[in-house]
Amino acid sequence: MELKAYKEAETAIRQLKERRYAGALQHYKGAIILAGINYGKASKKHTCLIERNDGVQ
């Protein structure tokens, strides 16, 4: 899970992939769920993007 403020949920997912955080779970056999959450201070709204990652990166 990656949290962002004033950006986009897509940015959080991209960061998870670029930094290869799932690589720490290389011996895990199941699917990994990536969650990117953004909070907009002015709008006071949250956005969330969830992706399933079957292949550890």
N, C-alpha and C. Protein backbone atom coordinates (compact mmCIF):
# COMPACT_ATOMS: atom_id res chain seq x y z
N MET A 1 0.84 -1.16 0.00
CA MET A 1 0.00 0.00 0.00
C MET A 1 0.89 1.23 0.00
N GLU A 2 0.50 2.19 -0.82
CA GLU A 2 1.23 3.46 -0.87
C GLU A 2 0.21 4.57 -0.72
N LEU A 3 0.51 5.50 0.15
CA LEU A 3 -0.37 6.65 0.39
C LEU A 3 0.26 7.90 -0.20
N LYS A 4 -0.58 8.71 -0.84
CA LYS A 4 -0.12 9.97 -1.40
C LYS A 4 -1.07 11.09 -0.98
N ALA A 5 -0.55 12.28 -0.97
CA ALA A 5 -1.39 13.46 -0.74
C ALA A 5 -1.16 14.41 -1.90
N TYR A 6 -2.24 14.94 -2.43
CA TYR A 6 -2.20 15.95 -3.50
C TYR A 6 -1.67 15.41 -4.82
N LYS A 7 -1.71 14.10 -5.04
CA LYS A 7 -1.23 13.52 -6.29
C LYS A 7 -2.34 12.68 -6.88
N GLU A 8 -2.04 11.48 -7.35
CA GLU A 8 -3.05 10.58 -7.90
C GLU A 8 -2.79 9.17 -7.40
N ALA A 9 -3.85 8.38 -7.30
CA ALA A 9 -3.71 6.99 -6.87
C ALA A 9 -2.82 6.22 -7.85
N GLU A 10 -2.90 6.58 -9.14
CA GLU A 10 -2.06 5.93 -10.15
C GLU A 10 -0.58 6.15 -9.88
N THR A 11 -0.25 7.33 -9.37
CA THR A 11 1.14 7.64 -9.01
C THR A 11 1.63 6.72 -7.91
N ALA A 12 0.78 6.44 -6.95
CA ALA A 12 1.15 5.55 -5.85
C ALA A 12 1.40 4.13 -6.36
N ILE A 13 0.54 3.62 -7.24
CA ILE A 13 0.72 2.29 -7.81
C ILE A 13 2.02 2.23 -8.62
N ARG A 14 2.27 3.26 -9.42
CA ARG A 14 3.49 3.31 -10.22
C ARG A 14 4.73 3.27 -9.32
N GLN A 15 4.69 3.97 -8.20
CA GLN A 15 5.82 3.97 -7.27
C GLN A 15 6.04 2.58 -6.68
N LEU A 16 4.96 1.88 -6.33
CA LEU A 16 5.10 0.53 -5.81
C LEU A 16 5.82 -0.37 -6.81
N LYS A 17 5.46 -0.23 -8.07
CA LYS A 17 6.07 -1.05 -9.12
C LYS A 17 7.52 -0.64 -9.39
N GLU A 18 7.78 0.66 -9.49
CA GLU A 18 9.13 1.14 -9.80
C GLU A 18 10.13 0.77 -8.71
N ARG A 19 9.69 0.84 -7.48
CA ARG A 19 10.59 0.54 -6.36
C ARG A 19 10.61 -0.95 -6.01
N ARG A 20 9.84 -1.74 -6.74
CA ARG A 20 9.82 -3.20 -6.60
C ARG A 20 9.63 -3.68 -5.17
N TYR A 21 8.70 -3.05 -4.49
CA TYR A 21 8.43 -3.45 -3.10
C TYR A 21 7.97 -4.90 -3.01
N ALA A 22 7.27 -5.41 -4.02
CA ALA A 22 6.80 -6.80 -3.99
C ALA A 22 7.97 -7.78 -4.02
N GLY A 23 9.15 -7.35 -4.42
CA GLY A 23 10.32 -8.21 -4.45
C GLY A 23 10.69 -8.76 -3.08
N ALA A 24 10.32 -8.07 -2.03
CA ALA A 24 10.59 -8.54 -0.67
C ALA A 24 9.78 -9.81 -0.36
N LEU A 25 8.77 -10.06 -1.18
CA LEU A 25 7.91 -11.23 -0.98
C LEU A 25 8.16 -12.29 -2.05
N GLN A 26 9.37 -12.38 -2.54
CA GLN A 26 9.69 -13.25 -3.67
C GLN A 26 9.37 -14.73 -3.41
N HIS A 27 9.34 -15.16 -2.16
CA HIS A 27 9.05 -16.56 -1.86
C HIS A 27 7.56 -16.80 -1.59
N TYR A 28 6.78 -15.75 -1.59
CA TYR A 28 5.34 -15.87 -1.38
C TYR A 28 4.71 -16.44 -2.64
N LYS A 29 3.80 -17.39 -2.50
CA LYS A 29 3.23 -18.09 -3.65
C LYS A 29 1.90 -17.52 -4.14
N GLY A 30 1.24 -16.68 -3.38
CA GLY A 30 -0.07 -16.18 -3.77
C GLY A 30 0.00 -14.86 -4.51
N ALA A 31 -1.17 -14.35 -4.84
CA ALA A 31 -1.25 -13.04 -5.50
C ALA A 31 -0.97 -11.93 -4.49
N ILE A 32 -0.43 -10.84 -4.98
CA ILE A 32 -0.15 -9.67 -4.15
C ILE A 32 -1.10 -8.57 -4.61
N ILE A 33 -1.71 -7.90 -3.66
CA ILE A 33 -2.63 -6.81 -3.96
C ILE A 33 -1.90 -5.49 -3.74
N LEU A 34 -1.84 -4.67 -4.77
CA LEU A 34 -1.25 -3.33 -4.68
C LEU A 34 -2.37 -2.32 -4.50
N ALA A 35 -2.24 -1.45 -3.53
CA ALA A 35 -3.26 -0.43 -3.27
C ALA A 35 -2.59 0.94 -3.24
N GLY A 36 -3.09 1.84 -4.07
CA GLY A 36 -2.62 3.22 -4.09
C GLY A 36 -3.75 4.12 -3.64
N ILE A 37 -3.50 4.93 -2.63
CA ILE A 37 -4.54 5.80 -2.08
C ILE A 37 -4.03 7.23 -2.09
N ASN A 38 -4.88 8.13 -2.54
CA ASN A 38 -4.55 9.55 -2.58
C ASN A 38 -5.58 10.33 -1.79
N TYR A 39 -5.13 11.37 -1.11
CA TYR A 39 -6.01 12.26 -0.37
C TYR A 39 -5.84 13.67 -0.91
N GLY A 40 -6.94 14.28 -1.31
CA GLY A 40 -6.91 15.66 -1.78
C GLY A 40 -7.34 16.60 -0.66
N LYS A 41 -6.44 17.40 -0.16
CA LYS A 41 -6.74 18.26 0.99
C LYS A 41 -7.84 19.27 0.67
N ALA A 42 -7.76 19.91 -0.48
CA ALA A 42 -8.76 20.92 -0.83
C ALA A 42 -10.14 20.30 -1.04
N SER A 43 -10.19 19.19 -1.74
CA SER A 43 -11.48 18.55 -2.04
C SER A 43 -11.96 17.66 -0.90
N LYS A 44 -11.03 17.29 -0.01
CA LYS A 44 -11.31 16.36 1.09
C LYS A 44 -11.88 15.04 0.59
N LYS A 45 -11.39 14.62 -0.58
CA LYS A 45 -11.81 13.35 -1.17
C LYS A 45 -10.62 12.41 -1.27
N HIS A 46 -10.94 11.14 -1.16
CA HIS A 46 -9.93 10.09 -1.33
C HIS A 46 -10.18 9.39 -2.66
N THR A 47 -9.10 8.99 -3.30
CA THR A 47 -9.21 8.11 -4.46
C THR A 47 -8.36 6.89 -4.17
N CYS A 48 -8.79 5.76 -4.71
CA CYS A 48 -8.09 4.52 -4.45
C CYS A 48 -8.03 3.69 -5.72
N LEU A 49 -6.90 3.08 -5.96
CA LEU A 49 -6.72 2.18 -7.09
C LEU A 49 -6.14 0.89 -6.54
N ILE A 50 -6.74 -0.24 -6.91
CA ILE A 50 -6.29 -1.54 -6.42
C ILE A 50 -5.97 -2.41 -7.64
N GLU A 51 -4.81 -3.05 -7.59
CA GLU A 51 -4.39 -3.95 -8.67
C GLU A 51 -3.92 -5.26 -8.07
N ARG A 52 -4.21 -6.33 -8.78
CA ARG A 52 -3.72 -7.65 -8.40
C ARG A 52 -2.43 -7.90 -9.17
N ASN A 53 -1.41 -8.37 -8.48
CA ASN A 53 -0.12 -8.64 -9.09
C ASN A 53 0.19 -10.12 -8.87
N ASP A 54 0.00 -10.93 -9.92
CA ASP A 54 0.24 -12.37 -9.79
C ASP A 54 1.71 -12.74 -9.91
N GLY A 55 2.51 -11.88 -10.50
CA GLY A 55 3.94 -12.14 -10.65
C GLY A 55 4.72 -11.18 -9.82
N VAL A 56 5.52 -11.68 -8.88
CA VAL A 56 6.33 -10.82 -8.01
C VAL A 56 7.38 -10.13 -8.87
N GLN A 57 7.55 -8.83 -8.63
CA GLN A 57 8.55 -8.04 -9.37
C GLN A 57 9.66 -7.61 -8.45
